[in-house]
Amino acid sequence: MIIQPTGASRLDLVPAVKEFHALTKAGIPKKKLLFILSRIATKAEALASQEFLKKADYNCCPIVIYEKASYRQVQNEGKSISEVSYKSLQKQTKELVSSILKHL
C-alpha cells in the first residue's frame, strides 16, 4: 500500500493526483493507493479536498489531520504526532491509524 499525505491546496492536490495516475499506469492497483489529507484548516476544506480526490477516482482516508501547533511542536521534538499531549489529538491520530488499517 502506498500512502500519500497531501495538503488541501490545488498546488498539493494536482501533483499528488498526477503521481497516483503515474503509479496506476505503472501497474499499481488503485485499491493500494491512499491519500491522507494533512495540514487542513477547516471541515469545509477537508470536504472540498475529499471531493476533488473522489472525482479523480482515488481513495482518501476519511480521517484528516487538522493544522495544529501541537503537532508541529512534537515533530520539532523528534516525535510523531501521536505523541502529542492533548487527549483529543491523540484520539484523532489513533482514528487515523485505525482507518488506514481498515483500508488494508
C-alpha atoms as a PDB file:
ATOM      1  CA  MET A   1       0.000   0.000   0.000  1.00  0.00           C
ATOM      2  CA  ILE A   2       1.199   3.495  -0.828  1.00  0.00           C
ATOM      3  CA  ILE A   3       0.020   6.274   1.464  1.00  0.00           C
ATOM      4  CA  GLN A   4       0.482   9.820   0.242  1.00  0.00           C
ATOM      5  CA  PRO A   5      -0.163  12.754   2.542  1.00  0.00           C
ATOM      6  CA  THR A   6      -1.332  15.879   0.786  1.00  0.00           C
ATOM      7  CA  GLY A   7      -2.479  19.343   1.692  1.00  0.00           C
ATOM      8  CA  ALA A   8      -5.710  20.959   0.584  1.00  0.00           C
ATOM      9  CA  SER A   9      -4.394  23.458  -1.945  1.00  0.00           C
ATOM     10  CA  ARG A  10      -4.543  22.667  -5.654  1.00  0.00           C
ATOM     11  CA  LEU A  11      -0.755  23.101  -5.623  1.00  0.00           C
ATOM     12  CA  ASP A  12      -0.669  19.993  -3.421  1.00  0.00           C
ATOM     13  CA  LEU A  13      -3.621  18.043  -4.812  1.00  0.00           C
ATOM     14  CA  VAL A  14      -2.940  18.266  -8.550  1.00  0.00           C
ATOM     15  CA  PRO A  15       0.644  16.905  -8.447  1.00  0.00           C
ATOM     16  CA  ALA A  16      -0.428  14.264  -5.909  1.00  0.00           C
ATOM     17  CA  VAL A  17      -3.134  13.014  -8.272  1.00  0.00           C
ATOM     18  CA  LYS A  18      -0.691  13.080 -11.193  1.00  0.00           C
ATOM     19  CA  GLU A  19       1.679  10.908  -9.174  1.00  0.00           C
ATOM     20  CA  PHE A  20      -1.086   8.388  -8.465  1.00  0.00           C
ATOM     21  CA  HIS A  21      -2.004   8.437 -12.172  1.00  0.00           C
ATOM     22  CA  ALA A  22       1.620   7.521 -12.961  1.00  0.00           C
ATOM     23  CA  LEU A  23       1.562   4.737 -10.376  1.00  0.00           C
ATOM     24  CA  THR A  24      -1.645   3.235 -11.763  1.00  0.00           C
ATOM     25  CA  LYS A  25      -0.229   3.481 -15.282  1.00  0.00           C
ATOM     26  CA  ALA A  26       2.817   1.554 -13.984  1.00  0.00           C
ATOM     27  CA  GLY A  27       0.504  -1.218 -12.806  1.00  0.00           C
ATOM     28  CA  ILE A  28      -0.177  -0.372  -9.155  1.00  0.00           C
ATOM     29  CA  PRO A  29      -3.844  -1.151  -8.393  1.00  0.00           C
ATOM     30  CA  LYS A  30      -5.874   1.869  -7.243  1.00  0.00           C
ATOM     31  CA  LYS A  31      -7.027  -0.051  -4.176  1.00  0.00           C
ATOM     32  CA  LYS A  32      -3.405   0.002  -2.954  1.00  0.00           C
ATOM     33  CA  LEU A  33      -3.211   3.809  -3.115  1.00  0.00           C
ATOM     34  CA  LEU A  34      -4.479   6.032  -0.322  1.00  0.00           C
ATOM     35  CA  PHE A  35      -4.428   9.776   0.208  1.00  0.00           C
ATOM     36  CA  ILE A  36      -4.361  11.295   3.678  1.00  0.00           C
ATOM     37  CA  LEU A  37      -5.239  14.953   3.986  1.00  0.00           C
ATOM     38  CA  SER A  38      -2.967  16.864   6.340  1.00  0.00           C
ATOM     39  CA  ARG A  39      -2.488  20.461   7.459  1.00  0.00           C
ATOM     40  CA  ILE A  40      -6.216  21.009   6.958  1.00  0.00           C
ATOM     41  CA  ALA A  41      -7.703  24.233   8.335  1.00  0.00           C
ATOM     42  CA  THR A  42     -11.466  23.559   8.328  1.00  0.00           C
ATOM     43  CA  LYS A  43     -14.045  20.842   7.787  1.00  0.00           C
ATOM     44  CA  ALA A  44     -15.187  22.612   4.624  1.00  0.00           C
ATOM     45  CA  GLU A  45     -11.632  22.497   3.295  1.00  0.00           C
ATOM     46  CA  ALA A  46     -11.441  18.791   4.114  1.00  0.00           C
ATOM     47  CA  LEU A  47     -14.728  18.061   2.346  1.00  0.00           C
ATOM     48  CA  ALA A  48     -13.719  20.017  -0.753  1.00  0.00           C
ATOM     49  CA  SER A  49     -10.388  18.201  -0.914  1.00  0.00           C
ATOM     50  CA  GLN A  50     -12.009  14.806  -0.406  1.00  0.00           C
ATOM     51  CA  GLU A  51     -14.450  15.605  -3.217  1.00  0.00           C
ATOM     52  CA  PHE A  52     -11.567  16.584  -5.521  1.00  0.00           C
ATOM     53  CA  LEU A  53      -9.810  13.267  -4.832  1.00  0.00           C
ATOM     54  CA  LYS A  54     -13.066  11.331  -5.233  1.00  0.00           C
ATOM     55  CA  LYS A  55     -13.586  12.919  -8.673  1.00  0.00           C
ATOM     56  CA  ALA A  56     -10.064  11.800  -9.546  1.00  0.00           C
ATOM     57  CA  ASP A  57     -11.221   8.280  -8.585  1.00  0.00           C
ATOM     58  CA  TYR A  58      -8.784   7.690  -5.722  1.00  0.00           C
ATOM     59  CA  ASN A  59      -9.303   6.599  -2.142  1.00  0.00           C
ATOM     60  CA  CYS A  60      -8.968   9.211   0.543  1.00  0.00           C
ATOM     61  CA  CYS A  61      -8.853   8.442   4.247  1.00  0.00           C
ATOM     62  CA  PRO A  62     -11.975   9.827   5.950  1.00  0.00           C
ATOM     63  CA  ILE A  63      -9.867  10.952   8.921  1.00  0.00           C
ATOM     64  CA  VAL A  64      -7.877  14.121   8.241  1.00  0.00           C
ATOM     65  CA  ILE A  65      -5.081  15.761  10.164  1.00  0.00           C
ATOM     66  CA  TYR A  66      -6.006  19.319  11.016  1.00  0.00           C
ATOM     67  CA  GLU A  67      -3.426  22.069  11.283  1.00  0.00           C
ATOM     68  CA  LYS A  68      -2.420  22.218  14.948  1.00  0.00           C
ATOM     69  CA  ALA A  69       0.537  23.921  16.572  1.00  0.00           C
ATOM     70  CA  SER A  70       0.751  20.978  18.976  1.00  0.00           C
ATOM     71  CA  TYR A  71       1.502  18.598  16.103  1.00  0.00           C
ATOM     72  CA  ARG A  72       4.316  20.853  14.859  1.00  0.00           C
ATOM     73  CA  GLN A  73       5.752  21.106  18.358  1.00  0.00           C
ATOM     74  CA  VAL A  74       6.012  17.350  18.930  1.00  0.00           C
ATOM     75  CA  GLN A  75       7.509  16.912  15.462  1.00  0.00           C
ATOM     76  CA  ASN A  76      10.074  19.612  16.284  1.00  0.00           C
ATOM     77  CA  GLU A  77      10.965  17.460  19.296  1.00  0.00           C
ATOM     78  CA  GLY A  78      11.545  14.462  17.013  1.00  0.00           C
ATOM     79  CA  LYS A  79       8.304  12.735  17.995  1.00  0.00           C
ATOM     80  CA  SER A  80       5.359  11.523  15.973  1.00  0.00           C
ATOM     81  CA  ILE A  81       2.057  13.370  16.014  1.00  0.00           C
ATOM     82  CA  SER A  82       0.556  10.504  18.032  1.00  0.00           C
ATOM     83  CA  GLU A  83       2.784  11.596  20.924  1.00  0.00           C
ATOM     84  CA  VAL A  84       1.008  14.933  21.294  1.00  0.00           C
ATOM     85  CA  SER A  85      -0.022  15.660  24.888  1.00  0.00           C
ATOM     86  CA  TYR A  86      -3.669  16.546  24.160  1.00  0.00           C
ATOM     87  CA  LYS A  87      -6.048  13.598  24.513  1.00  0.00           C
ATOM     88  CA  SER A  88      -8.381  14.786  21.746  1.00  0.00           C
ATOM     89  CA  LEU A  89      -5.492  14.991  19.287  1.00  0.00           C
ATOM     90  CA  GLN A  90      -4.176  11.601  20.413  1.00  0.00           C
ATOM     91  CA  LYS A  91      -7.645  10.206  19.712  1.00  0.00           C
ATOM     92  CA  GLN A  92      -7.612  11.707  16.227  1.00  0.00           C
ATOM     93  CA  THR A  93      -4.277  10.090  15.374  1.00  0.00           C
ATOM     94  CA  LYS A  94      -5.490   6.711  16.686  1.00  0.00           C
ATOM     95  CA  GLU A  95      -8.576   7.021  14.482  1.00  0.00           C
ATOM     96  CA  LEU A  96      -6.324   7.782  11.527  1.00  0.00           C
ATOM     97  CA  VAL A  97      -4.228   4.664  12.124  1.00  0.00           C
ATOM     98  CA  SER A  98      -7.356   2.538  12.531  1.00  0.00           C
ATOM     99  CA  SER A  99      -8.751   3.893   9.279  1.00  0.00           C
ATOM    100  CA  ILE A 100      -5.510   3.080   7.449  1.00  0.00           C
ATOM    101  CA  LEU A 101      -5.538  -0.453   8.836  1.00  0.00           C
ATOM    102  CA  LYS A 102      -9.126  -0.922   7.677  1.00  0.00           C
ATOM    103  CA  HIS A 103      -8.065   0.109   4.192  1.00  0.00           C
ATOM    104  CA  LEU A 104      -5.534  -2.715   4.096  1.00  0.00           C
END
